[in-house]
Amino acid sequence: MNQRNQNLRPKRRDRLYIIAEVLEIAREGTLKTQIMYGANLSFTQLNDYLRFTLNISLLKKIRRNGRDVYTTTEKGMAFLERYREITQLLKTENSNNIKIPPPHLLKRN
């Protein structure tokens, strides 16, 4: 993640924010390490989030060229869309104590 996006990231991220970030990173299919670095997660945190998102079918794991590739499912895309809608609703309320994700997570398809 580049320096500009790191400056937009809230200091403390909640669970839904991190899930949305993982799903956004995996949209086109990506490796585990790319998710870990892109979402700024420790190895233990990464495994917890991958296990959770795989169990509820937000992500799927496929084997490509001998490597595990993680891809956002249709259900995961629906989650991202709803997450964006909710954050936009909260954004219009302009509440000071609500963490709004950075613009790269709010982009539309």
PDB file of N, CA and C in Angstrom:
ATOM      1  N   MET A   1       0.853  -1.164   0.000  1.00  0.00           N
ATOM      2  CA  MET A   1       0.000   0.000   0.000  1.00  0.00           C
ATOM      3  C   MET A   1       0.899   1.226   0.000  1.00  0.00           C
ATOM      4  N   ASN A   2       0.558   2.221  -0.785  1.00  0.00           N
ATOM      5  CA  ASN A   2       1.436   3.376  -0.860  1.00  0.00           C
ATOM      6  C   ASN A   2       1.222   4.324   0.312  1.00  0.00           C
ATOM      7  N   GLN A   3       2.136   5.294   0.425  1.00  0.00           N
ATOM      8  CA  GLN A   3       2.137   6.221   1.560  1.00  0.00           C
ATOM      9  C   GLN A   3       0.844   7.022   1.630  1.00  0.00           C
ATOM     10  N   ARG A   4       0.312   7.428   0.486  1.00  0.00           N
ATOM     11  CA  ARG A   4      -0.914   8.237   0.458  1.00  0.00           C
ATOM     12  C   ARG A   4      -2.077   7.490   1.096  1.00  0.00           C
ATOM     13  N   ASN A   5      -2.257   6.209   0.763  1.00  0.00           N
ATOM     14  CA  ASN A   5      -3.352   5.423   1.329  1.00  0.00           C
ATOM     15  C   ASN A   5      -3.156   5.150   2.810  1.00  0.00           C
ATOM     16  N   GLN A   6      -1.911   5.032   3.254  1.00  0.00           N
ATOM     17  CA  GLN A   6      -1.664   4.800   4.669  1.00  0.00           C
ATOM     18  C   GLN A   6      -2.059   6.016   5.492  1.00  0.00           C
ATOM     19  N   ASN A   7      -1.897   7.214   4.943  1.00  0.00           N
ATOM     20  CA  ASN A   7      -2.286   8.422   5.658  1.00  0.00           C
ATOM     21  C   ASN A   7      -3.795   8.537   5.805  1.00  0.00           C
ATOM     22  N   LEU A   8      -4.563   7.929   4.911  1.00  0.00           N
ATOM     23  CA  LEU A   8      -6.014   7.994   4.954  1.00  0.00           C
ATOM     24  C   LEU A   8      -6.614   6.923   5.858  1.00  0.00           C
ATOM     25  N   ARG A   9      -5.837   5.930   6.218  1.00  0.00           N
ATOM     26  CA  ARG A   9      -6.319   4.824   7.040  1.00  0.00           C
ATOM     27  C   ARG A   9      -6.537   5.294   8.476  1.00  0.00           C
ATOM     28  N   PRO A  10      -7.688   4.934   9.060  1.00  0.00           N
ATOM     29  CA  PRO A  10      -7.906   5.302  10.461  1.00  0.00           C
ATOM     30  C   PRO A  10      -6.848   4.664  11.359  1.00  0.00           C
ATOM     31  N   LYS A  11      -6.584   5.280  12.497  1.00  0.00           N
ATOM     32  CA  LYS A  11      -5.567   4.743  13.402  1.00  0.00           C
ATOM     33  C   LYS A  11      -5.955   3.376  13.932  1.00  0.00           C
ATOM     34  N   ARG A  12      -7.213   3.189  14.233  1.00  0.00           N
ATOM     35  CA  ARG A  12      -7.680   1.895  14.732  1.00  0.00           C
ATOM     36  C   ARG A  12      -8.776   1.400  13.793  1.00  0.00           C
ATOM     37  N   ARG A  13      -8.546   0.248  13.198  1.00  0.00           N
ATOM     38  CA  ARG A  13      -9.510  -0.296  12.239  1.00  0.00           C
ATOM     39  C   ARG A  13     -10.404  -1.310  12.929  1.00  0.00           C
ATOM     40  N   ASP A  14     -11.682  -1.292  12.585  1.00  0.00           N
ATOM     41  CA  ASP A  14     -12.583  -2.300  13.145  1.00  0.00           C
ATOM     42  C   ASP A  14     -12.599  -3.534  12.250  1.00  0.00           C
ATOM     43  N   ARG A  15     -13.235  -4.577  12.729  1.00  0.00           N
ATOM     44  CA  ARG A  15     -13.245  -5.873  12.036  1.00  0.00           C
ATOM     45  C   ARG A  15     -13.865  -5.780  10.640  1.00  0.00           C
ATOM     46  N   LEU A  16     -14.978  -5.073  10.510  1.00  0.00           N
ATOM     47  CA  LEU A  16     -15.631  -4.949   9.200  1.00  0.00           C
ATOM     48  C   LEU A  16     -14.747  -4.188   8.211  1.00  0.00           C
ATOM     49  N   TYR A  17     -14.065  -3.183   8.695  1.00  0.00           N
ATOM     50  CA  TYR A  17     -13.154  -2.416   7.848  1.00  0.00           C
ATOM     51  C   TYR A  17     -12.059  -3.326   7.302  1.00  0.00           C
ATOM     52  N   ILE A  18     -11.469  -4.138   8.170  1.00  0.00           N
ATOM     53  CA  ILE A  18     -10.385  -5.039   7.748  1.00  0.00           C
ATOM     54  C   ILE A  18     -10.910  -6.085   6.771  1.00  0.00           C
ATOM     55  N   ILE A  19     -12.090  -6.615   7.024  1.00  0.00           N
ATOM     56  CA  ILE A  19     -12.677  -7.586   6.099  1.00  0.00           C
ATOM     57  C   ILE A  19     -12.873  -6.937   4.731  1.00  0.00           C
ATOM     58  N   ALA A  20     -13.408  -5.710   4.709  1.00  0.00           N
ATOM     59  CA  ALA A  20     -13.600  -5.003   3.437  1.00  0.00           C
ATOM     60  C   ALA A  20     -12.272  -4.787   2.729  1.00  0.00           C
ATOM     61  N   GLU A  21     -11.244  -4.472   3.484  1.00  0.00           N
ATOM     62  CA  GLU A  21      -9.923  -4.260   2.902  1.00  0.00           C
ATOM     63  C   GLU A  21      -9.375  -5.556   2.290  1.00  0.00           C
ATOM     64  N   VAL A  22      -9.512  -6.658   2.995  1.00  0.00           N
ATOM     65  CA  VAL A  22      -9.066  -7.964   2.494  1.00  0.00           C
ATOM     66  C   VAL A  22      -9.819  -8.317   1.210  1.00  0.00           C
ATOM     67  N   LEU A  23     -11.128  -8.127   1.214  1.00  0.00           N
ATOM     68  CA  LEU A  23     -11.933  -8.452   0.038  1.00  0.00           C
ATOM     69  C   LEU A  23     -11.570  -7.571  -1.152  1.00  0.00           C
ATOM     70  N   GLU A  24     -11.305  -6.319  -0.905  1.00  0.00           N
ATOM     71  CA  GLU A  24     -10.911  -5.404  -1.980  1.00  0.00           C
ATOM     72  C   GLU A  24      -9.579  -5.836  -2.581  1.00  0.00           C
ATOM     73  N   ILE A  25      -8.638  -6.203  -1.750  1.00  0.00           N
ATOM     74  CA  ILE A  25      -7.318  -6.638  -2.223  1.00  0.00           C
ATOM     75  C   ILE A  25      -7.438  -7.913  -3.056  1.00  0.00           C
ATOM     76  N   ALA A  26      -8.357  -8.792  -2.681  1.00  0.00           N
ATOM     77  CA  ALA A  26      -8.483 -10.100  -3.341  1.00  0.00           C
ATOM     78  C   ALA A  26      -9.461 -10.094  -4.513  1.00  0.00           C
ATOM     79  N   ARG A  27      -9.964  -8.976  -4.916  1.00  0.00           N
ATOM     80  CA  ARG A  27     -10.971  -8.917  -5.990  1.00  0.00           C
ATOM     81  C   ARG A  27     -10.544  -9.659  -7.253  1.00  0.00           C
ATOM     82  N   GLU A  28      -9.318  -9.456  -7.677  1.00  0.00           N
ATOM     83  CA  GLU A  28      -8.833 -10.058  -8.921  1.00  0.00           C
ATOM     84  C   GLU A  28      -8.088 -11.362  -8.687  1.00  0.00           C
ATOM     85  N   GLY A  29      -8.001 -11.773  -7.436  1.00  0.00           N
ATOM     86  CA  GLY A  29      -7.235 -12.966  -7.087  1.00  0.00           C
ATOM     87  C   GLY A  29      -5.825 -12.578  -6.704  1.00  0.00           C
ATOM     88  N   THR A  30      -5.403 -13.002  -5.545  1.00  0.00           N
ATOM     89  CA  THR A  30      -4.080 -12.620  -5.062  1.00  0.00           C
ATOM     90  C   THR A  30      -3.533 -13.655  -4.089  1.00  0.00           C
ATOM     91  N   LEU A  31      -2.263 -13.567  -3.826  1.00  0.00           N
ATOM     92  CA  LEU A  31      -1.602 -14.482  -2.911  1.00  0.00           C
ATOM     93  C   LEU A  31      -1.777 -14.027  -1.465  1.00  0.00           C
ATOM     94  N   LYS A  32      -1.590 -14.960  -0.569  1.00  0.00           N
ATOM     95  CA  LYS A  32      -1.732 -14.707   0.864  1.00  0.00           C
ATOM     96  C   LYS A  32      -0.817 -13.574   1.336  1.00  0.00           C
ATOM     97  N   THR A  33       0.428 -13.591   0.890  1.00  0.00           N
ATOM     98  CA  THR A  33       1.367 -12.556   1.343  1.00  0.00           C
ATOM     99  C   THR A  33       0.961 -11.171   0.841  1.00  0.00           C
ATOM    100  N   GLN A  34       0.391 -11.101  -0.345  1.00  0.00           N
ATOM    101  CA  GLN A  34      -0.055  -9.810  -0.869  1.00  0.00           C
ATOM    102  C   GLN A  34      -1.201  -9.252  -0.037  1.00  0.00           C
ATOM    103  N   ILE A  35      -2.080 -10.127   0.423  1.00  0.00           N
ATOM    104  CA  ILE A  35      -3.164  -9.686   1.308  1.00  0.00           C
ATOM    105  C   ILE A  35      -2.573  -9.214   2.630  1.00  0.00           C
ATOM    106  N   MET A  36      -1.641  -9.968   3.167  1.00  0.00           N
ATOM    107  CA  MET A  36      -1.033  -9.629   4.452  1.00  0.00           C
ATOM    108  C   MET A  36      -0.389  -8.242   4.404  1.00  0.00           C
ATOM    109  N   TYR A  37       0.417  -7.988   3.386  1.00  0.00           N
ATOM    110  CA  TYR A  37       1.093  -6.695   3.281  1.00  0.00           C
ATOM    111  C   TYR A  37       0.117  -5.586   2.893  1.00  0.00           C
ATOM    112  N   GLY A  38      -0.798  -5.865   1.975  1.00  0.00           N
ATOM    113  CA  GLY A  38      -1.743  -4.851   1.528  1.00  0.00           C
ATOM    114  C   GLY A  38      -2.681  -4.386   2.625  1.00  0.00           C
ATOM    115  N   ALA A  39      -3.091  -5.316   3.492  1.00  0.00           N
ATOM    116  CA  ALA A  39      -4.004  -4.984   4.587  1.00  0.00           C
ATOM    117  C   ALA A  39      -3.260  -4.678   5.879  1.00  0.00           C
ATOM    118  N   ASN A  40      -1.933  -4.750   5.836  1.00  0.00           N
ATOM    119  CA  ASN A  40      -1.097  -4.479   7.000  1.00  0.00           C
ATOM    120  C   ASN A  40      -1.505  -5.337   8.201  1.00  0.00           C
ATOM    121  N   LEU A  41      -1.519  -6.650   7.977  1.00  0.00           N
ATOM    122  CA  LEU A  41      -1.889  -7.601   9.022  1.00  0.00           C
ATOM    123  C   LEU A  41      -0.683  -8.462   9.391  1.00  0.00           C
ATOM    124  N   SER A  42      -0.657  -8.904  10.629  1.00  0.00           N
ATOM    125  CA  SER A  42       0.362  -9.875  11.026  1.00  0.00           C
ATOM    126  C   SER A  42      -0.026 -11.223  10.423  1.00  0.00           C
ATOM    127  N   PHE A  43       0.892 -12.171  10.443  1.00  0.00           N
ATOM    128  CA  PHE A  43       0.617 -13.495   9.900  1.00  0.00           C
ATOM    129  C   PHE A  43      -0.541 -14.158  10.645  1.00  0.00           C
ATOM    130  N   THR A  44      -0.565 -14.015  11.965  1.00  0.00           N
ATOM    131  CA  THR A  44      -1.636 -14.599  12.776  1.00  0.00           C
ATOM    132  C   THR A  44      -2.981 -13.946  12.458  1.00  0.00           C
ATOM    133  N   GLN A  45      -3.005 -12.613  12.369  1.00  0.00           N
ATOM    134  CA  GLN A  45      -4.240 -11.905  12.034  1.00  0.00           C
ATOM    135  C   GLN A  45      -4.722 -12.319  10.649  1.00  0.00           C
ATOM    136  N   LEU A  46      -3.802 -12.387   9.708  1.00  0.00           N
ATOM    137  CA  LEU A  46      -4.149 -12.782   8.347  1.00  0.00           C
ATOM    138  C   LEU A  46      -4.829 -14.137   8.331  1.00  0.00           C
ATOM    139  N   ASN A  47      -4.243 -15.115   9.006  1.00  0.00           N
ATOM    140  CA  ASN A  47      -4.830 -16.451   9.029  1.00  0.00           C
ATOM    141  C   ASN A  47      -6.222 -16.447   9.652  1.00  0.00           C
ATOM    142  N   ASP A  48      -6.416 -15.657  10.708  1.00  0.00           N
ATOM    143  CA  ASP A  48      -7.742 -15.550  11.329  1.00  0.00           C
ATOM    144  C   ASP A  48      -8.763 -14.973  10.350  1.00  0.00           C
ATOM    145  N   TYR A  49      -8.401 -13.888   9.666  1.00  0.00           N
ATOM    146  CA  TYR A  49      -9.329 -13.264   8.711  1.00  0.00           C
ATOM    147  C   TYR A  49      -9.583 -14.166   7.504  1.00  0.00           C
ATOM    148  N   LEU A  50      -8.554 -14.831   7.017  1.00  0.00           N
ATOM    149  CA  LEU A  50      -8.754 -15.744   5.884  1.00  0.00           C
ATOM    150  C   LEU A  50      -9.662 -16.901   6.282  1.00  0.00           C
ATOM    151  N   ARG A  51      -9.424 -17.473   7.432  1.00  0.00           N
ATOM    152  CA  ARG A  51     -10.261 -18.587   7.907  1.00  0.00           C
ATOM    153  C   ARG A  51     -11.722 -18.136   8.003  1.00  0.00           C
ATOM    154  N   PHE A  52     -11.945 -16.977   8.612  1.00  0.00           N
ATOM    155  CA  PHE A  52     -13.303 -16.464   8.787  1.00  0.00           C
ATOM    156  C   PHE A  52     -13.980 -16.186   7.445  1.00  0.00           C
ATOM    157  N   THR A  53     -13.301 -15.467   6.548  1.00  0.00           N
ATOM    158  CA  THR A  53     -13.915 -15.105   5.264  1.00  0.00           C
ATOM    159  C   THR A  53     -14.111 -16.324   4.360  1.00  0.00           C
ATOM    160  N   LEU A  54     -13.235 -17.307   4.466  1.00  0.00           N
ATOM    161  CA  LEU A  54     -13.424 -18.545   3.708  1.00  0.00           C
ATOM    162  C   LEU A  54     -14.618 -19.336   4.252  1.00  0.00           C
ATOM    163  N   ASN A  55     -14.739 -19.399   5.584  1.00  0.00           N
ATOM    164  CA  ASN A  55     -15.834 -20.151   6.211  1.00  0.00           C
ATOM    165  C   ASN A  55     -17.207 -19.594   5.874  1.00  0.00           C
ATOM    166  N   ILE A  56     -17.311 -18.275   5.717  1.00  0.00           N
ATOM    167  CA  ILE A  56     -18.618 -17.691   5.400  1.00  0.00           C
ATOM    168  C   ILE A  56     -18.739 -17.340   3.913  1.00  0.00           C
ATOM    169  N   SER A  57     -17.815 -17.867   3.114  1.00  0.00           N
ATOM    170  CA  SER A  57     -17.847 -17.773   1.650  1.00  0.00           C
ATOM    171  C   SER A  57     -17.754 -16.353   1.104  1.00  0.00           C
ATOM    172  N   LEU A  58     -17.006 -15.495   1.787  1.00  0.00           N
ATOM    173  CA  LEU A  58     -16.722 -14.177   1.224  1.00  0.00           C
ATOM    174  C   LEU A  58     -15.498 -14.242   0.320  1.00  0.00           C
ATOM    175  N   LEU A  59     -14.619 -15.196   0.604  1.00  0.00           N
ATOM    176  CA  LEU A  59     -13.442 -15.479  -0.210  1.00  0.00           C
ATOM    177  C   LEU A  59     -13.469 -16.939  -0.622  1.00  0.00           C
ATOM    178  N   LYS A  60     -12.793 -17.224  -1.717  1.00  0.00           N
ATOM    179  CA  LYS A  60     -12.565 -18.629  -2.084  1.00  0.00           C
ATOM    180  C   LYS A  60     -11.082 -18.788  -2.382  1.00  0.00           C
ATOM    181  N   LYS A  61     -10.596 -19.990  -2.140  1.00  0.00           N
ATOM    182  CA  LYS A  61      -9.192 -20.306  -2.374  1.00  0.00           C
ATOM    183  C   LYS A  61      -9.130 -21.280  -3.534  1.00  0.00           C
ATOM    184  N   ILE A  62      -8.343 -20.918  -4.535  1.00  0.00           N
ATOM    185  CA  ILE A  62      -8.147 -21.799  -5.679  1.00  0.00           C
ATOM    186  C   ILE A  62      -6.649 -22.054  -5.845  1.00  0.00           C
ATOM    187  N   ARG A  63      -6.349 -23.176  -6.443  1.00  0.00           N
ATOM    188  CA  ARG A  63      -4.950 -23.548  -6.685  1.00  0.00           C
ATOM    189  C   ARG A  63      -4.611 -23.151  -8.109  1.00  0.00           C
ATOM    190  N   ARG A  64      -3.609 -22.280  -8.273  1.00  0.00           N
ATOM    191  CA  ARG A  64      -3.207 -21.812  -9.597  1.00  0.00           C
ATOM    192  C   ARG A  64      -1.685 -21.882  -9.688  1.00  0.00           C
ATOM    193  N   ASN A  65      -1.203 -22.637 -10.639  1.00  0.00           N
ATOM    194  CA  ASN A  65       0.244 -22.793 -10.828  1.00  0.00           C
ATOM    195  C   ASN A  65       0.946 -23.242  -9.553  1.00  0.00           C
ATOM    196  N   GLY A  66       0.309 -24.150  -8.823  1.00  0.00           N
ATOM    197  CA  GLY A  66       0.896 -24.694  -7.615  1.00  0.00           C
ATOM    198  C   GLY A  66       0.847 -23.766  -6.411  1.00  0.00           C
ATOM    199  N   ARG A  67       0.111 -22.672  -6.509  1.00  0.00           N
ATOM    200  CA  ARG A  67       0.026 -21.706  -5.405  1.00  0.00           C
ATOM    201  C   ARG A  67      -1.443 -21.464  -5.061  1.00  0.00           C
ATOM    202  N   ASP A  68      -1.696 -21.177  -3.788  1.00  0.00           N
ATOM    203  CA  ASP A  68      -3.044 -20.835  -3.346  1.00  0.00           C
ATOM    204  C   ASP A  68      -3.319 -19.367  -3.659  1.00  0.00           C
ATOM    205  N   VAL A  69      -4.395 -19.147  -4.405  1.00  0.00           N
ATOM    206  CA  VAL A  69      -4.811 -17.797  -4.772  1.00  0.00           C
ATOM    207  C   VAL A  69      -6.170 -17.544  -4.133  1.00  0.00           C
ATOM    208  N   TYR A  70      -6.312 -16.399  -3.496  1.00  0.00           N
ATOM    209  CA  TYR A  70      -7.556 -16.028  -2.820  1.00  0.00           C
ATOM    210  C   TYR A  70      -8.299 -15.012  -3.677  1.00  0.00           C
ATOM    211  N   THR A  71      -9.585 -15.282  -3.887  1.00  0.00           N
ATOM    212  CA  THR A  71     -10.412 -14.431  -4.731  1.00  0.00           C
ATOM    213  C   THR A  71     -11.719 -14.109  -4.020  1.00  0.00           C
ATOM    214  N   THR A  72     -12.167 -12.881  -4.157  1.00  0.00           N
ATOM    215  CA  THR A  72     -13.434 -12.455  -3.578  1.00  0.00           C
ATOM    216  C   THR A  72     -14.575 -13.118  -4.336  1.00  0.00           C
ATOM    217  N   THR A  73     -15.516 -13.696  -3.614  1.00  0.00           N
ATOM    218  CA  THR A  73     -16.672 -14.363  -4.218  1.00  0.00           C
ATOM    219  C   THR A  73     -17.766 -13.339  -4.535  1.00  0.00           C
ATOM    220  N   GLU A  74     -18.836 -13.811  -5.172  1.00  0.00           N
ATOM    221  CA  GLU A  74     -19.986 -12.937  -5.422  1.00  0.00           C
ATOM    222  C   GLU A  74     -20.565 -12.439  -4.098  1.00  0.00           C
ATOM    223  N   LYS A  75     -20.628 -13.318  -3.113  1.00  0.00           N
ATOM    224  CA  LYS A  75     -21.108 -12.923  -1.797  1.00  0.00           C
ATOM    225  C   LYS A  75     -20.182 -11.863  -1.197  1.00  0.00           C
ATOM    226  N   GLY A  76     -18.885 -12.016  -1.393  1.00  0.00           N
ATOM    227  CA  GLY A  76     -17.921 -11.027  -0.921  1.00  0.00           C
ATOM    228  C   GLY A  76     -18.084  -9.690  -1.615  1.00  0.00           C
ATOM    229  N   MET A  77     -18.369  -9.729  -2.913  1.00  0.00           N
ATOM    230  CA  MET A  77     -18.619  -8.492  -3.657  1.00  0.00           C
ATOM    231  C   MET A  77     -19.889  -7.805  -3.160  1.00  0.00           C
ATOM    232  N   ALA A  78     -20.904  -8.606  -2.836  1.00  0.00           N
ATOM    233  CA  ALA A  78     -22.142  -8.043  -2.284  1.00  0.00           C
ATOM    234  C   ALA A  78     -21.852  -7.388  -0.933  1.00  0.00           C
ATOM    235  N   PHE A  79     -21.014  -8.033  -0.113  1.00  0.00           N
ATOM    236  CA  PHE A  79     -20.611  -7.455   1.170  1.00  0.00           C
ATOM    237  C   PHE A  79     -19.940  -6.098   0.943  1.00  0.00           C
ATOM    238  N   LEU A  80     -18.993  -6.048  -0.007  1.00  0.00           N
ATOM    239  CA  LEU A  80     -18.290  -4.793  -0.286  1.00  0.00           C
ATOM    240  C   LEU A  80     -19.249  -3.699  -0.719  1.00  0.00           C
ATOM    241  N   GLU A  81     -20.185  -4.047  -1.575  1.00  0.00           N
ATOM    242  CA  GLU A  81     -21.167  -3.056  -2.053  1.00  0.00           C
ATOM    243  C   GLU A  81     -21.994  -2.521  -0.893  1.00  0.00           C
ATOM    244  N   ARG A  82     -22.471  -3.390  -0.048  1.00  0.00           N
ATOM    245  CA  ARG A  82     -23.263  -2.954   1.116  1.00  0.00           C
ATOM    246  C   ARG A  82     -22.407  -2.163   2.105  1.00  0.00           C
ATOM    247  N   TYR A  83     -21.178  -2.579   2.275  1.00  0.00           N
ATOM    248  CA  TYR A  83     -20.259  -1.858   3.158  1.00  0.00           C
ATOM    249  C   TYR A  83     -20.065  -0.427   2.656  1.00  0.00           C
ATOM    250  N   ARG A  84     -19.873  -0.287   1.355  1.00  0.00           N
ATOM    251  CA  ARG A  84     -19.716   1.048   0.757  1.00  0.00           C
ATOM    252  C   ARG A  84     -20.978   1.883   0.961  1.00  0.00           C
ATOM    253  N   GLU A  85     -22.140   1.272   0.743  1.00  0.00           N
ATOM    254  CA  GLU A  85     -23.408   1.996   0.914  1.00  0.00           C
ATOM    255  C   GLU A  85     -23.573   2.482   2.351  1.00  0.00           C
ATOM    256  N   ILE A  86     -23.268   1.616   3.299  1.00  0.00           N
ATOM    257  CA  ILE A  86     -23.398   2.001   4.712  1.00  0.00           C
ATOM    258  C   ILE A  86     -22.426   3.125   5.056  1.00  0.00           C
ATOM    259  N   THR A  87     -21.184   3.015   4.600  1.00  0.00           N
ATOM    260  CA  THR A  87     -20.211   4.065   4.919  1.00  0.00           C
ATOM    261  C   THR A  87     -20.603   5.383   4.261  1.00  0.00           C
ATOM    262  N   GLN A  88     -21.200   5.311   3.069  1.00  0.00           N
ATOM    263  CA  GLN A  88     -21.677   6.540   2.424  1.00  0.00           C
ATOM    264  C   GLN A  88     -22.822   7.155   3.220  1.00  0.00           C
ATOM    265  N   LEU A  89     -23.734   6.329   3.713  1.00  0.00           N
ATOM    266  CA  LEU A  89     -24.824   6.843   4.545  1.00  0.00           C
ATOM    267  C   LEU A  89     -24.280   7.513   5.795  1.00  0.00           C
ATOM    268  N   LEU A  90     -23.311   6.885   6.423  1.00  0.00           N
ATOM    269  CA  LEU A  90     -22.721   7.445   7.631  1.00  0.00           C
ATOM    270  C   LEU A  90     -21.923   8.706   7.327  1.00  0.00           C
ATOM    271  N   LYS A  91     -21.318   8.720   6.171  1.00  0.00           N
ATOM    272  CA  LYS A  91     -20.527   9.867   5.762  1.00  0.00           C
ATOM    273  C   LYS A  91     -21.408  11.105   5.602  1.00  0.00           C
ATOM    274  N   THR A  92     -22.605  10.938   5.089  1.00  0.00           N
ATOM    275  CA  THR A  92     -23.494  12.077   4.892  1.00  0.00           C
ATOM    276  C   THR A  92     -24.004  12.623   6.215  1.00  0.00           C
ATOM    277  N   GLU A  93     -23.992  11.780   7.251  1.00  0.00           N
ATOM    278  CA  GLU A  93     -24.396  12.244   8.578  1.00  0.00           C
ATOM    279  C   GLU A  93     -23.314  13.109   9.205  1.00  0.00           C
ATOM    280  N   ASN A  94     -22.078  12.980   8.694  1.00  0.00           N
ATOM    281  CA  ASN A  94     -20.950  13.794   9.136  1.00  0.00           C
ATOM    282  C   ASN A  94     -20.701  13.706  10.643  1.00  0.00           C
ATOM    283  N   SER A  95     -20.789  12.511  11.166  1.00  0.00           N
ATOM    284  CA  SER A  95     -20.511  12.309  12.582  1.00  0.00           C
ATOM    285  C   SER A  95     -19.008  12.247  12.797  1.00  0.00           C
ATOM    286  N   ASN A  96     -18.524  12.872  13.838  1.00  0.00           N
ATOM    287  CA  ASN A  96     -17.078  12.934  14.093  1.00  0.00           C
ATOM    288  C   ASN A  96     -16.496  11.637  14.634  1.00  0.00           C
ATOM    289  N   ASN A  97     -17.305  10.769  15.220  1.00  0.00           N
ATOM    290  CA  ASN A  97     -16.750   9.566  15.838  1.00  0.00           C
ATOM    291  C   ASN A  97     -16.906   8.320  14.968  1.00  0.00           C
ATOM    292  N   ILE A  98     -17.241   8.477  13.709  1.00  0.00           N
ATOM    293  CA  ILE A  98     -17.392   7.343  12.799  1.00  0.00           C
ATOM    294  C   ILE A  98     -16.177   7.282  11.889  1.00  0.00           C
ATOM    295  N   LYS A  99     -15.558   6.109  11.825  1.00  0.00           N
ATOM    296  CA  LYS A  99     -14.391   5.920  10.973  1.00  0.00           C
ATOM    297  C   LYS A  99     -14.851   5.645   9.546  1.00  0.00           C
ATOM    298  N   ILE A 100     -14.441   6.464   8.626  1.00  0.00           N
ATOM    299  CA  ILE A 100     -14.776   6.294   7.222  1.00  0.00           C
ATOM    300  C   ILE A 100     -13.559   5.687   6.529  1.00  0.00           C
ATOM    301  N   PRO A 101     -13.766   4.609   5.755  1.00  0.00           N
ATOM    302  CA  PRO A 101     -12.629   3.986   5.070  1.00  0.00           C
ATOM    303  C   PRO A 101     -12.057   4.903   3.994  1.00  0.00           C
ATOM    304  N   PRO A 102     -10.834   4.658   3.600  1.00  0.00           N
ATOM    305  CA  PRO A 102     -10.214   5.498   2.578  1.00  0.00           C
ATOM    306  C   PRO A 102     -10.942   5.359   1.240  1.00  0.00           C
ATOM    307  N   PRO A 103     -10.779   6.349   0.383  1.00  0.00           N
ATOM    308  CA  PRO A 103     -11.497   6.368  -0.901  1.00  0.00           C
ATOM    309  C   PRO A 103     -11.306   5.124  -1.757  1.00  0.00           C
ATOM    310  N   HIS A 104     -10.134   4.471  -1.692  1.00  0.00           N
ATOM    311  CA  HIS A 104      -9.915   3.294  -2.541  1.00  0.00           C
ATOM    312  C   HIS A 104     -10.859   2.155  -2.172  1.00  0.00           C
ATOM    313  N   LEU A 105     -11.417   2.154  -0.963  1.00  0.00           N
ATOM    314  CA  LEU A 105     -12.394   1.130  -0.581  1.00  0.00           C
ATOM    315  C   LEU A 105     -13.806   1.549  -0.919  1.00  0.00           C
ATOM    316  N   LEU A 106     -13.995   2.794  -1.287  1.00  0.00           N
ATOM    317  CA  LEU A 106     -15.338   3.293  -1.589  1.00  0.00           C
ATOM    318  C   LEU A 106     -15.601   3.373  -3.091  1.00  0.00           C
ATOM    319  N   LYS A 107     -14.641   2.964  -3.897  1.00  0.00           N
ATOM    320  CA  LYS A 107     -14.829   3.065  -5.353  1.00  0.00           C
ATOM    321  C   LYS A 107     -15.885   2.047  -5.819  1.00  0.00           C
ATOM    322  N   ARG A 108     -16.565   2.408  -6.831  1.00  0.00           N
ATOM    323  CA  ARG A 108     -17.590   1.535  -7.423  1.00  0.00           C
ATOM    324  C   ARG A 108     -16.983   0.742  -8.558  1.00  0.00           C
ATOM    325  N   ASN A 109     -17.638  -0.370  -8.912  1.00  0.00           N
ATOM    326  CA  ASN A 109     -17.158  -1.209 -10.033  1.00  0.00           C
ATOM    327  C   ASN A 109     -17.369  -0.511 -11.339  1.00  0.00           C
TER     328      ASN A 109
END
